[in-house]
PDB file of N, CA and C in Angstrom:
ATOM      1  N   MET A   1      10.773  -6.091 -28.029  1.00  0.00           N
ATOM      2  CA  MET A   1      11.429  -5.034 -28.159  1.00  0.00           C
ATOM      3  C   MET A   1      10.840  -3.531 -27.756  1.00  0.00           C
ATOM      4  N   ARG A   2       9.983  -3.348 -28.713  1.00  0.00           N
ATOM      5  CA  ARG A   2       9.157  -2.294 -28.752  1.00  0.00           C
ATOM      6  C   ARG A   2       8.430  -1.909 -27.311  1.00  0.00           C
ATOM      7  N   PHE A   3       7.641  -3.244 -26.778  1.00  0.00           N
ATOM      8  CA  PHE A   3       7.207  -3.195 -25.497  1.00  0.00           C
ATOM      9  C   PHE A   3       7.891  -2.771 -24.316  1.00  0.00           C
ATOM     10  N   GLU A   4       9.200  -3.201 -24.523  1.00  0.00           N
ATOM     11  CA  GLU A   4      10.354  -2.751 -23.186  1.00  0.00           C
ATOM     12  C   GLU A   4      10.331  -1.488 -23.497  1.00  0.00           C
ATOM     13  N   GLN A   5      10.707  -0.947 -24.893  1.00  0.00           N
ATOM     14  CA  GLN A   5      11.031   0.560 -24.666  1.00  0.00           C
ATOM     15  C   GLN A   5       9.625   1.054 -24.427  1.00  0.00           C
ATOM     16  N   ASP A   6       8.509   1.148 -24.978  1.00  0.00           N
ATOM     17  CA  ASP A   6       7.119   1.687 -24.404  1.00  0.00           C
ATOM     18  C   ASP A   6       7.102   1.546 -22.703  1.00  0.00           C
ATOM     19  N   TYR A   7       7.398   0.473 -22.035  1.00  0.00           N
ATOM     20  CA  TYR A   7       7.439   0.242 -20.754  1.00  0.00           C
ATOM     21  C   TYR A   7       8.452   1.337 -19.933  1.00  0.00           C
ATOM     22  N   ILE A   8       9.747   1.417 -20.299  1.00  0.00           N
ATOM     23  CA  ILE A   8      10.712   2.139 -19.832  1.00  0.00           C
ATOM     24  C   ILE A   8      10.458   3.676 -19.963  1.00  0.00           C
ATOM     25  N   LYS A   9       9.856   4.089 -21.151  1.00  0.00           N
ATOM     26  CA  LYS A   9       9.298   5.434 -21.347  1.00  0.00           C
ATOM     27  C   LYS A   9       8.340   5.819 -20.388  1.00  0.00           C
ATOM     28  N   ARG A  10       7.184   4.838 -19.934  1.00  0.00           N
ATOM     29  CA  ARG A  10       6.321   5.133 -18.803  1.00  0.00           C
ATOM     30  C   ARG A  10       6.921   4.908 -17.748  1.00  0.00           C
ATOM     31  N   VAL A  11       7.712   4.300 -17.428  1.00  0.00           N
ATOM     32  CA  VAL A  11       8.605   4.249 -16.247  1.00  0.00           C
ATOM     33  C   VAL A  11       8.936   5.638 -15.599  1.00  0.00           C
ATOM     34  N   ILE A  12       9.816   6.228 -16.735  1.00  0.00           N
ATOM     35  CA  ILE A  12      10.632   7.383 -16.422  1.00  0.00           C
ATOM     36  C   ILE A  12       9.438   8.418 -16.326  1.00  0.00           C
ATOM     37  N   ASP A  13       8.560   8.451 -17.379  1.00  0.00           N
ATOM     38  CA  ASP A  13       7.560   9.397 -17.295  1.00  0.00           C
ATOM     39  C   ASP A  13       6.557   9.533 -15.853  1.00  0.00           C
ATOM     40  N   SER A  14       6.673   8.506 -15.300  1.00  0.00           N
ATOM     41  CA  SER A  14       6.167   8.192 -13.914  1.00  0.00           C
ATOM     42  C   SER A  14       7.005   8.826 -12.655  1.00  0.00           C
ATOM     43  N   ILE A  15       7.972   8.499 -13.125  1.00  0.00           N
ATOM     44  CA  ILE A  15       9.470   9.016 -12.207  1.00  0.00           C
ATOM     45  C   ILE A  15       9.333  10.375 -12.052  1.00  0.00           C
ATOM     46  N   GLY A  16       9.464  11.012 -13.328  1.00  0.00           N
ATOM     47  CA  GLY A  16       9.238  12.555 -13.130  1.00  0.00           C
ATOM     48  C   GLY A  16       8.035  12.921 -12.884  1.00  0.00           C
ATOM     49  N   LYS A  17       6.946  12.465 -13.090  1.00  0.00           N
ATOM     50  CA  LYS A  17       5.749  12.837 -12.430  1.00  0.00           C
ATOM     51  C   LYS A  17       5.839  13.008 -10.715  1.00  0.00           C
ATOM     52  N   MET A  18       6.247  11.718 -10.386  1.00  0.00           N
ATOM     53  CA  MET A  18       6.583  11.671  -9.064  1.00  0.00           C
ATOM     54  C   MET A  18       7.498  12.759  -8.301  1.00  0.00           C
ATOM     55  N   CYS A  19       8.361  13.124  -8.971  1.00  0.00           N
ATOM     56  CA  CYS A  19       9.121  13.945  -8.522  1.00  0.00           C
ATOM     57  C   CYS A  19       8.316  15.375  -8.659  1.00  0.00           C
ATOM     58  N   VAL A  20       7.967  15.843  -9.576  1.00  0.00           N
ATOM     59  CA  VAL A  20       6.823  17.072  -9.613  1.00  0.00           C
ATOM     60  C   VAL A  20       6.044  17.185  -8.351  1.00  0.00           C
ATOM     61  N   ALA A  21       5.218  15.824  -8.408  1.00  0.00           N
ATOM     62  CA  ALA A  21       4.314  15.841  -6.928  1.00  0.00           C
ATOM     63  C   ALA A  21       5.318  15.983  -5.591  1.00  0.00           C
ATOM     64  N   ILE A  22       6.099  15.615  -5.458  1.00  0.00           N
ATOM     65  CA  ILE A  22       6.878  15.683  -4.130  1.00  0.00           C
ATOM     66  C   ILE A  22       7.046  17.169  -4.041  1.00  0.00           C
ATOM     67  N   VAL A  23       7.534  17.793  -5.032  1.00  0.00           N
ATOM     68  CA  VAL A  23       7.905  19.366  -4.754  1.00  0.00           C
ATOM     69  C   VAL A  23       6.646  19.975  -4.570  1.00  0.00           C
ATOM     70  N   THR A  24       5.522  19.496  -5.439  1.00  0.00           N
ATOM     71  CA  THR A  24       4.494  20.570  -5.313  1.00  0.00           C
ATOM     72  C   THR A  24       3.554  19.696  -3.933  1.00  0.00           C
ATOM     73  N   SER A  25       3.482  18.554  -3.370  1.00  0.00           N
ATOM     74  CA  SER A  25       2.916  18.268  -2.187  1.00  0.00           C
ATOM     75  C   SER A  25       1.723  17.760  -2.884  1.00  0.00           C
ATOM     76  N   LYS A  26       1.585  17.133  -4.047  1.00  0.00           N
ATOM     77  CA  LYS A  26       0.465  16.495  -4.907  1.00  0.00           C
ATOM     78  C   LYS A  26       0.870  14.851  -4.317  1.00  0.00           C
ATOM     79  N   ASN A  27      -0.116  14.073  -4.399  1.00  0.00           N
ATOM     80  CA  ASN A  27      -0.298  12.751  -4.593  1.00  0.00           C
ATOM     81  C   ASN A  27       0.208  12.046  -5.826  1.00  0.00           C
ATOM     82  N   ALA A  28       1.476  11.794  -6.100  1.00  0.00           N
ATOM     83  CA  ALA A  28       1.902  11.560  -7.703  1.00  0.00           C
ATOM     84  C   ALA A  28       1.378  10.254  -7.933  1.00  0.00           C
ATOM     85  N   ILE A  29       1.160   9.017  -7.397  1.00  0.00           N
ATOM     86  CA  ILE A  29       0.584   7.982  -7.515  1.00  0.00           C
ATOM     87  C   ILE A  29      -0.974   8.076  -8.102  1.00  0.00           C
ATOM     88  N   GLU A  30      -1.627   8.778  -7.484  1.00  0.00           N
ATOM     89  CA  GLU A  30      -3.122   9.190  -7.778  1.00  0.00           C
ATOM     90  C   GLU A  30      -3.290   9.894  -9.032  1.00  0.00           C
ATOM     91  N   SER A  31      -2.319  10.960  -9.008  1.00  0.00           N
ATOM     92  CA  SER A  31      -2.569  11.911 -10.347  1.00  0.00           C
ATOM     93  C   SER A  31      -2.005  11.178 -11.205  1.00  0.00           C
ATOM     94  N   ASN A  32      -1.007  10.460 -11.333  1.00  0.00           N
ATOM     95  CA  ASN A  32      -0.324   9.559 -12.455  1.00  0.00           C
ATOM     96  C   ASN A  32      -1.548   8.465 -12.991  1.00  0.00           C
ATOM     97  N   ILE A  33      -2.218   8.257 -12.025  1.00  0.00           N
ATOM     98  CA  ILE A  33      -3.281   7.143 -12.543  1.00  0.00           C
ATOM     99  C   ILE A  33      -4.533   8.083 -12.825  1.00  0.00           C
ATOM    100  N   GLU A  34      -4.768   8.775 -12.295  1.00  0.00           N
ATOM    101  CA  GLU A  34      -6.098   9.736 -13.099  1.00  0.00           C
ATOM    102  C   GLU A  34      -5.694  10.475 -14.364  1.00  0.00           C
ATOM    103  N   ASP A  35      -4.352  10.852 -14.446  1.00  0.00           N
ATOM    104  CA  ASP A  35      -4.121  11.524 -15.689  1.00  0.00           C
ATOM    105  C   ASP A  35      -4.046  10.351 -17.033  1.00  0.00           C
ATOM    106  N   ASN A  36      -3.343   9.315 -16.440  1.00  0.00           N
ATOM    107  CA  ASN A  36      -2.896   8.223 -17.746  1.00  0.00           C
ATOM    108  C   ASN A  36      -4.242   7.094 -17.856  1.00  0.00           C
ATOM    109  N   ASN A  37      -4.983   7.432 -16.880  1.00  0.00           N
ATOM    110  CA  ASN A  37      -6.073   6.302 -16.960  1.00  0.00           C
ATOM    111  C   ASN A  37      -5.959   4.897 -16.456  1.00  0.00           C
ATOM    112  N   TYR A  38      -4.382   4.716 -16.145  1.00  0.00           N
ATOM    113  CA  TYR A  38      -3.838   3.662 -15.502  1.00  0.00           C
ATOM    114  C   TYR A  38      -5.003   2.569 -14.652  1.00  0.00           C
ATOM    115  N   ASP A  39      -4.443   1.410 -14.496  1.00  0.00           N
ATOM    116  CA  ASP A  39      -5.341   0.877 -13.401  1.00  0.00           C
ATOM    117  C   ASP A  39      -3.925   0.402 -12.569  1.00  0.00           C
ATOM    118  N   MET A  40      -3.200   0.815 -12.611  1.00  0.00           N
ATOM    119  CA  MET A  40      -2.135   0.315 -11.553  1.00  0.00           C
ATOM    120  C   MET A  40      -1.781   1.187 -10.479  1.00  0.00           C
ATOM    121  N   LYS A  41      -1.507   0.709  -9.410  1.00  0.00           N
ATOM    122  CA  LYS A  41      -1.422   1.078  -8.252  1.00  0.00           C
ATOM    123  C   LYS A  41      -0.023   0.628  -7.432  1.00  0.00           C
ATOM    124  N   ILE A  42       0.644   1.353  -6.865  1.00  0.00           N
ATOM    125  CA  ILE A  42       1.733   1.131  -5.673  1.00  0.00           C
ATOM    126  C   ILE A  42       1.358   1.170  -4.373  1.00  0.00           C
ATOM    127  N   SER A  43       1.427   0.223  -3.832  1.00  0.00           N
ATOM    128  CA  SER A  43       1.360  -0.150  -2.086  1.00  0.00           C
ATOM    129  C   SER A  43       2.585   0.745  -1.569  1.00  0.00           C
ATOM    130  N   GLU A  44       1.962   1.005  -0.222  1.00  0.00           N
ATOM    131  CA  GLU A  44       3.202   1.938   0.602  1.00  0.00           C
ATOM    132  C   GLU A  44       4.119   0.842   0.854  1.00  0.00           C
ATOM    133  N   ASP A  45       3.914  -0.520   1.189  1.00  0.00           N
ATOM    134  CA  ASP A  45       4.966  -1.135   1.082  1.00  0.00           C
ATOM    135  C   ASP A  45       6.098  -1.509  -0.102  1.00  0.00           C
ATOM    136  N   ASP A  46       5.413  -1.253  -1.379  1.00  0.00           N
ATOM    137  CA  ASP A  46       6.132  -1.493  -2.653  1.00  0.00           C
ATOM    138  C   ASP A  46       6.886  -0.249  -2.860  1.00  0.00           C
ATOM    139  N   LEU A  47       6.403   0.706  -2.574  1.00  0.00           N
ATOM    140  CA  LEU A  47       7.240   2.284  -2.126  1.00  0.00           C
ATOM    141  C   LEU A  47       8.565   2.073  -1.397  1.00  0.00           C
ATOM    142  N   LEU A  48       8.243   1.365  -0.017  1.00  0.00           N
ATOM    143  CA  LEU A  48       9.020   1.370   0.758  1.00  0.00           C
ATOM    144  C   LEU A  48      10.486   0.470   0.168  1.00  0.00           C
ATOM    145  N   GLU A  49       9.956  -0.808  -0.324  1.00  0.00           N
ATOM    146  CA  GLU A  49      11.052  -1.634  -0.982  1.00  0.00           C
ATOM    147  C   GLU A  49      11.582  -0.888  -1.863  1.00  0.00           C
ATOM    148  N   ILE A  50      11.259  -0.004  -2.850  1.00  0.00           N
ATOM    149  CA  ILE A  50      12.019   0.549  -3.611  1.00  0.00           C
ATOM    150  C   ILE A  50      13.073   1.780  -3.263  1.00  0.00           C
ATOM    151  N   MET A  51      12.293   2.332  -2.190  1.00  0.00           N
ATOM    152  CA  MET A  51      13.210   3.243  -1.760  1.00  0.00           C
ATOM    153  C   MET A  51      14.356   2.999  -0.927  1.00  0.00           C
ATOM    154  N   VAL A  52      14.068   1.490  -0.045  1.00  0.00           N
ATOM    155  CA  VAL A  52      15.124   1.019   0.453  1.00  0.00           C
ATOM    156  C   VAL A  52      16.040   0.273  -0.226  1.00  0.00           C
ATOM    157  N   LYS A  53      15.786  -0.321  -1.501  1.00  0.00           N
ATOM    158  CA  LYS A  53      16.982  -0.968  -2.478  1.00  0.00           C
ATOM    159  C   LYS A  53      17.631   0.333  -2.792  1.00  0.00           C
ATOM    160  N   LYS A  54      16.850   1.567  -2.952  1.00  0.00           N
ATOM    161  CA  LYS A  54      17.517   2.892  -3.629  1.00  0.00           C
ATOM    162  C   LYS A  54      18.605   3.232  -3.050  1.00  0.00           C
ATOM    163  N   TYR A  55      18.386   3.310  -1.845  1.00  0.00           N
ATOM    164  CA  TYR A  55      19.516   3.864  -0.679  1.00  0.00           C
ATOM    165  C   TYR A  55      20.450   2.679  -0.534  1.00  0.00           C
ATOM    166  N   VAL A  56      20.087   1.731  -0.459  1.00  0.00           N
ATOM    167  CA  VAL A  56      21.156   0.590  -0.228  1.00  0.00           C
ATOM    168  C   VAL A  56      22.037   0.681  -1.303  1.00  0.00           C
ATOM    169  N   ASP A  57      21.487   0.774  -2.472  1.00  0.00           N
ATOM    170  CA  ASP A  57      22.143   0.623  -3.918  1.00  0.00           C
ATOM    171  C   ASP A  57      23.599   2.076  -3.832  1.00  0.00           C
ATOM    172  N   GLN A  58      22.592   2.980  -3.162  1.00  0.00           N
ATOM    173  CA  GLN A  58      23.822   4.588  -3.176  1.00  0.00           C
ATOM    174  C   GLN A  58      24.399   4.338  -1.999  1.00  0.00           C
ATOM    175  N   GLY A  59      24.660   3.142  -1.327  1.00  0.00           N
ATOM    176  CA  GLY A  59      25.433   2.982  -0.183  1.00  0.00           C
ATOM    177  C   GLY A  59      24.702   4.068   1.299  1.00  0.00           C
ATOM    178  N   ASN A  60      23.959   4.390   1.151  1.00  0.00           N
ATOM    179  CA  ASN A  60      23.235   5.361   2.402  1.00  0.00           C
ATOM    180  C   ASN A  60      22.367   4.067   3.174  1.00  0.00           C
ATOM    181  N   ILE A  61      22.934   3.106   3.868  1.00  0.00           N
ATOM    182  CA  ILE A  61      22.390   2.204   4.340  1.00  0.00           C
ATOM    183  C   ILE A  61      21.539   2.625   5.772  1.00  0.00           C
ATOM    184  N   ASN A  62      22.386   3.900   6.621  1.00  0.00           N
ATOM    185  CA  ASN A  62      21.734   4.534   7.826  1.00  0.00           C
ATOM    186  C   ASN A  62      20.058   5.112   6.976  1.00  0.00           C
ATOM    187  N   GLU A  63      20.334   5.513   5.918  1.00  0.00           N
ATOM    188  CA  GLU A  63      18.859   6.367   5.585  1.00  0.00           C
ATOM    189  C   GLU A  63      18.115   5.460   5.338  1.00  0.00           C
ATOM    190  N   ALA A  64      18.939   3.837   4.799  1.00  0.00           N
ATOM    191  CA  ALA A  64      17.606   2.821   4.254  1.00  0.00           C
ATOM    192  C   ALA A  64      16.931   2.535   5.833  1.00  0.00           C
ATOM    193  N   GLU A  65      17.802   2.113   6.862  1.00  0.00           N
ATOM    194  CA  GLU A  65      17.358   1.690   8.163  1.00  0.00           C
ATOM    195  C   GLU A  65      15.973   3.002   8.657  1.00  0.00           C
ATOM    196  N   ASN A  66      16.328   4.079   8.478  1.00  0.00           N
ATOM    197  CA  ASN A  66      15.668   5.096   9.160  1.00  0.00           C
ATOM    198  C   ASN A  66      14.346   5.082   8.428  1.00  0.00           C
ATOM    199  N   ILE A  67      14.280   4.877   7.263  1.00  0.00           N
ATOM    200  CA  ILE A  67      12.955   5.053   6.445  1.00  0.00           C
ATOM    201  C   ILE A  67      12.183   3.512   6.503  1.00  0.00           C
ATOM    202  N   ILE A  68      12.827   2.592   6.732  1.00  0.00           N
ATOM    203  CA  ILE A  68      12.085   1.036   7.388  1.00  0.00           C
ATOM    204  C   ILE A  68      11.607   1.667   8.710  1.00  0.00           C
ATOM    205  N   PHE A  69      12.088   2.033   9.599  1.00  0.00           N
ATOM    206  CA  PHE A  69      11.567   2.329  11.054  1.00  0.00           C
ATOM    207  C   PHE A  69      10.374   3.311  11.186  1.00  0.00           C
ATOM    208  N   GLU A  70      10.731   4.652   9.989  1.00  0.00           N
ATOM    209  CA  GLU A  70       9.547   5.340   9.730  1.00  0.00           C
ATOM    210  C   GLU A  70       8.265   4.701   9.569  1.00  0.00           C
ATOM    211  N   ALA A  71       8.717   3.832   8.104  1.00  0.00           N
ATOM    212  CA  ALA A  71       7.219   3.081   7.745  1.00  0.00           C
ATOM    213  C   ALA A  71       6.444   2.546   8.446  1.00  0.00           C
ATOM    214  N   ILE A  72       7.330   1.594   9.425  1.00  0.00           N
ATOM    215  CA  ILE A  72       6.859   0.846  10.525  1.00  0.00           C
ATOM    216  C   ILE A  72       6.217   1.400  11.316  1.00  0.00           C
ATOM    217  N   LYS A  73       6.402   2.633  11.900  1.00  0.00           N
ATOM    218  CA  LYS A  73       5.812   3.533  12.694  1.00  0.00           C
ATOM    219  C   LYS A  73       4.294   3.759  12.512  1.00  0.00           C
ATOM    220  N   ILE A  74       4.315   4.129  11.128  1.00  0.00           N
ATOM    221  CA  ILE A  74       3.108   4.579  10.408  1.00  0.00           C
ATOM    222  C   ILE A  74       2.076   3.240  10.447  1.00  0.00           C
ATOM    223  N   HIS A  75       2.561   2.041   9.581  1.00  0.00           N
ATOM    224  CA  HIS A  75       1.814   0.884   9.724  1.00  0.00           C
ATOM    225  C   HIS A  75       2.568  -0.391   9.316  1.00  0.00           C
ATOM    226  N   LYS A  76       2.395  -1.061  10.391  1.00  0.00           N
ATOM    227  CA  LYS A  76       3.066  -2.582  10.275  1.00  0.00           C
ATOM    228  C   LYS A  76       2.257  -3.274   9.590  1.00  0.00           C
ATOM    229  N   THR A  77       3.141  -3.931   8.708  1.00  0.00           N
ATOM    230  CA  THR A  77       2.476  -5.024   7.721  1.00  0.00           C
ATOM    231  C   THR A  77       3.556  -6.228   7.670  1.00  0.00           C
ATOM    232  N   LYS A  78       3.156  -7.349   7.205  1.00  0.00           N
ATOM    233  CA  LYS A  78       3.902  -8.516   7.032  1.00  0.00           C
ATOM    234  C   LYS A  78       4.848  -8.130   5.900  1.00  0.00           C
ATOM    235  N   LYS A  79       4.326  -7.258   5.065  1.00  0.00           N
ATOM    236  CA  LYS A  79       5.662  -7.097   4.047  1.00  0.00           C
ATOM    237  C   LYS A  79       6.484  -6.035   4.434  1.00  0.00           C
ATOM    238  N   SER A  80       6.146  -5.301   5.434  1.00  0.00           N
ATOM    239  CA  SER A  80       7.056  -4.175   6.284  1.00  0.00           C
ATOM    240  C   SER A  80       8.242  -5.013   6.537  1.00  0.00           C
ATOM    241  N   TYR A  81       7.744  -6.284   7.525  1.00  0.00           N
ATOM    242  CA  TYR A  81       8.888  -7.053   8.286  1.00  0.00           C
ATOM    243  C   TYR A  81       9.709  -7.549   7.434  1.00  0.00           C
ATOM    244  N   GLU A  82       8.952  -8.364   6.281  1.00  0.00           N
ATOM    245  CA  GLU A  82       9.864  -8.859   5.172  1.00  0.00           C
ATOM    246  C   GLU A  82      10.991  -7.966   4.835  1.00  0.00           C
ATOM    247  N   ILE A  83      10.681  -6.821   4.419  1.00  0.00           N
ATOM    248  CA  ILE A  83      11.675  -5.368   3.752  1.00  0.00           C
ATOM    249  C   ILE A  83      12.618  -5.442   4.762  1.00  0.00           C
ATOM    250  N   ALA A  84      12.440  -5.337   6.353  1.00  0.00           N
ATOM    251  CA  ALA A  84      13.341  -4.987   7.021  1.00  0.00           C
ATOM    252  C   ALA A  84      14.135  -5.957   7.382  1.00  0.00           C
ATOM    253  N   LEU A  85      13.799  -7.471   7.358  1.00  0.00           N
ATOM    254  CA  LEU A  85      14.833  -8.628   7.439  1.00  0.00           C
ATOM    255  C   LEU A  85      15.284  -8.671   6.079  1.00  0.00           C
ATOM    256  N   ASP A  86      15.052  -8.482   5.222  1.00  0.00           N
ATOM    257  CA  ASP A  86      15.804  -8.700   3.749  1.00  0.00           C
ATOM    258  C   ASP A  86      16.663  -7.699   4.254  1.00  0.00           C
ATOM    259  N   PHE A  87      16.574  -6.245   4.438  1.00  0.00           N
ATOM    260  CA  PHE A  87      17.595  -5.248   4.302  1.00  0.00           C
ATOM    261  C   PHE A  87      18.774  -5.944   5.558  1.00  0.00           C
ATOM    262  N   TYR A  88      18.545  -6.352   6.379  1.00  0.00           N
ATOM    263  CA  TYR A  88      19.601  -6.761   7.436  1.00  0.00           C
ATOM    264  C   TYR A  88      20.108  -7.861   6.918  1.00  0.00           C
ATOM    265  N   LYS A  89      19.551  -8.935   6.296  1.00  0.00           N
ATOM    266  CA  LYS A  89      20.280 -10.269   5.749  1.00  0.00           C
ATOM    267  C   LYS A  89      21.252  -9.581   4.759  1.00  0.00           C
ATOM    268  N   HIS A  90      20.556  -8.393   4.017  1.00  0.00           N
ATOM    269  CA  HIS A  90      21.806  -8.231   2.760  1.00  0.00           C
ATOM    270  C   HIS A  90      22.574  -7.274   3.370  1.00  0.00           C
ATOM    271  N   ILE A  91      22.543  -6.544   4.351  1.00  0.00           N
ATOM    272  CA  ILE A  91      24.133  -5.809   4.647  1.00  0.00           C
ATOM    273  C   ILE A  91      24.539  -6.591   5.515  1.00  0.00           C
ATOM    274  N   ASN A  92      24.040  -7.663   6.262  1.00  0.00           N
ATOM    275  CA  ASN A  92      24.988  -8.587   6.925  1.00  0.00           C
ATOM    276  C   ASN A  92      25.808  -9.389   6.392  1.00  0.00           C
ATOM    277  N   ASP A  93      25.731  -9.301   5.118  1.00  0.00           N
ATOM    278  CA  ASP A  93      26.450  -9.981   4.119  1.00  0.00           C
ATOM    279  C   ASP A  93      27.854  -9.076   3.688  1.00  0.00           C
ATOM    280  N   TYR A  94      27.774  -8.034   3.819  1.00  0.00           N
ATOM    281  CA  TYR A  94      28.737  -7.260   3.709  1.00  0.00           C
ATOM    282  C   TYR A  94      30.121  -7.577   4.419  1.00  0.00           C
ATOM    283  N   SER A  95      31.287  -7.106   4.015  1.00  0.00           N
ATOM    284  CA  SER A  95      32.417  -7.309   4.995  1.00  0.00           C
ATOM    285  C   SER A  95      32.663  -6.446   6.053  1.00  0.00           C
ATOM    286  N   ASP A  96      33.419  -6.564   7.110  1.00  0.00           N
ATOM    287  CA  ASP A  96      33.238  -5.251   7.928  1.00  0.00           C
ATOM    288  C   ASP A  96      34.063  -4.279   7.620  1.00  0.00           C
ATOM    289  N   GLU A  97      34.923  -4.457   6.638  1.00  0.00           N
ATOM    290  CA  GLU A  97      35.321  -3.190   5.976  1.00  0.00           C
ATOM    291  C   GLU A  97      34.363  -2.364   5.235  1.00  0.00           C
ATOM    292  N   LYS A  98      33.647  -2.621   4.278  1.00  0.00           N
ATOM    293  CA  LYS A  98      32.495  -2.221   3.872  1.00  0.00           C
ATOM    294  C   LYS A  98      31.497  -1.765   5.073  1.00  0.00           C
ATOM    295  N   LEU A  99      31.255  -2.426   5.813  1.00  0.00           N
ATOM    296  CA  LEU A  99      30.225  -1.802   6.635  1.00  0.00           C
ATOM    297  C   LEU A  99      31.067  -0.624   7.542  1.00  0.00           C
ATOM    298  N   LYS A 100      32.111  -0.658   7.754  1.00  0.00           N
ATOM    299  CA  LYS A 100      32.803   0.601   8.142  1.00  0.00           C
ATOM    300  C   LYS A 100      32.840   1.659   7.341  1.00  0.00           C
ATOM    301  N   GLU A 101      33.301   1.328   6.306  1.00  0.00           N
ATOM    302  CA  GLU A 101      33.290   2.633   4.970  1.00  0.00           C
ATOM    303  C   GLU A 101      31.992   3.073   4.932  1.00  0.00           C
ATOM    304  N   LEU A 102      30.710   2.359   5.033  1.00  0.00           N
ATOM    305  CA  LEU A 102      29.224   2.968   5.015  1.00  0.00           C
ATOM    306  C   LEU A 102      28.688   3.603   6.432  1.00  0.00           C
ATOM    307  N   ASN A 103      29.722   3.527   7.356  1.00  0.00           N
ATOM    308  CA  ASN A 103      29.293   3.979   8.749  1.00  0.00           C
ATOM    309  C   ASN A 103      28.413   3.236   9.411  1.00  0.00           C
ATOM    310  N   PHE A 104      28.647   1.909   9.570  1.00  0.00           N
ATOM    311  CA  PHE A 104      27.533   0.971  10.108  1.00  0.00           C
ATOM    312  C   PHE A 104      28.442  -0.038  10.700  1.00  0.00           C
ATOM    313  N   SER A 105      27.698  -0.932  11.367  1.00  0.00           N
ATOM    314  CA  SER A 105      28.519  -1.967  12.162  1.00  0.00           C
ATOM    315  C   SER A 105      27.405  -3.137  12.460  1.00  0.00           C
ATOM    316  N   ARG A 106      28.160  -4.148  12.536  1.00  0.00           N
ATOM    317  CA  ARG A 106      27.450  -5.484  13.185  1.00  0.00           C
ATOM    318  C   ARG A 106      26.585  -5.275  14.340  1.00  0.00           C
ATOM    319  N   GLU A 107      26.953  -4.690  15.555  1.00  0.00           N
ATOM    320  CA  GLU A 107      26.062  -4.464  16.295  1.00  0.00           C
ATOM    321  C   GLU A 107      24.966  -3.440  15.925  1.00  0.00           C
ATOM    322  N   GLU A 108      24.897  -2.702  15.261  1.00  0.00           N
ATOM    323  CA  GLU A 108      23.655  -2.078  14.470  1.00  0.00           C
ATOM    324  C   GLU A 108      22.790  -3.045  13.897  1.00  0.00           C
ATOM    325  N   ILE A 109      23.518  -3.798  13.295  1.00  0.00           N
ATOM    326  CA  ILE A 109      22.331  -4.790  12.600  1.00  0.00           C
ATOM    327  C   ILE A 109      21.516  -5.715  13.808  1.00  0.00           C
ATOM    328  N   VAL A 110      22.438  -6.237  14.596  1.00  0.00           N
ATOM    329  CA  VAL A 110      21.747  -7.013  15.564  1.00  0.00           C
ATOM    330  C   VAL A 110      20.829  -6.085  16.220  1.00  0.00           C
ATOM    331  N   ASP A 111      21.105  -4.773  16.614  1.00  0.00           N
ATOM    332  CA  ASP A 111      20.155  -4.052  17.357  1.00  0.00           C
ATOM    333  C   ASP A 111      18.871  -3.599  16.770  1.00  0.00           C
ATOM    334  N   GLY A 112      19.324  -3.737  15.262  1.00  0.00           N
ATOM    335  CA  GLY A 112      18.119  -3.117  14.236  1.00  0.00           C
ATOM    336  C   GLY A 112      17.236  -4.400  14.551  1.00  0.00           C
ATOM    337  N   LEU A 113      17.762  -5.549  14.156  1.00  0.00           N
ATOM    338  CA  LEU A 113      17.009  -6.749  14.187  1.00  0.00           C
ATOM    339  C   LEU A 113      16.121  -7.242  15.468  1.00  0.00           C
ATOM    340  N   ASN A 114      17.043  -6.825  16.686  1.00  0.00           N
ATOM    341  CA  ASN A 114      15.995  -7.113  17.811  1.00  0.00           C
ATOM    342  C   ASN A 114      15.164  -6.133  18.059  1.00  0.00           C
ATOM    343  N   GLU A 115      15.135  -4.628  17.519  1.00  0.00           N
ATOM    344  CA  GLU A 115      14.023  -3.743  17.716  1.00  0.00           C
ATOM    345  C   GLU A 115      12.858  -4.184  16.677  1.00  0.00           C
ATOM    346  N   ILE A 116      13.304  -4.511  15.294  1.00  0.00           N
ATOM    347  CA  ILE A 116      12.267  -5.167  14.585  1.00  0.00           C
ATOM    348  C   ILE A 116      11.413  -6.152  15.142  1.00  0.00           C
ATOM    349  N   LYS A 117      12.320  -7.253  15.832  1.00  0.00           N
ATOM    350  CA  LYS A 117      11.510  -8.194  16.281  1.00  0.00           C
ATOM    351  C   LYS A 117      10.514  -7.955  17.392  1.00  0.00           C
ATOM    352  N   ASN A 118      10.955  -6.759  18.407  1.00  0.00           N
ATOM    353  CA  ASN A 118      10.157  -6.527  19.313  1.00  0.00           C
ATOM    354  C   ASN A 118       8.867  -5.597  18.859  1.00  0.00           C
ATOM    355  N   THR A 119       8.863  -4.776  17.660  1.00  0.00           N
ATOM    356  CA  THR A 119       8.145  -4.137  17.199  1.00  0.00           C
ATOM    357  C   THR A 119       6.947  -4.937  16.922  1.00  0.00           C
ATOM    358  N   PHE A 120       7.494  -6.185  16.245  1.00  0.00           N
ATOM    359  CA  PHE A 120       6.569  -7.104  15.576  1.00  0.00           C
ATOM    360  C   PHE A 120       5.875  -8.097  16.639  1.00  0.00           C
ATOM    361  N   ARG A 121       6.343  -8.023  17.831  1.00  0.00           N
ATOM    362  CA  ARG A 121       5.764  -8.700  18.685  1.00  0.00           C
ATOM    363  C   ARG A 121       4.182  -8.763  18.862  1.00  0.00           C
TER     364      ARG A 121
END
């Protein structure tokens, strides 16, 4: 139990430092590692996955889709491809009503999948 509390505390501390770094335009991940002497690093793909999940959980699937395509423009990896496919698979399970409520459609899912497919050819 103590380990879990320490871990949660470190995660919260890291998130706070990341927010400060975003505002001050510093690299939060490298700064955090240097300051705390951690051997932990987070990849661009891991960060993409975290951000996509965050946006989806908040109901901002348009934003999630946008950051997927922005990330893929910068670097195409197998992991970013998998993140994109998982994103579309997940939102495809939504009802038509929920998609409409979130300002998204099945056609956009198909279009997005086709664009991902063409990008990774």
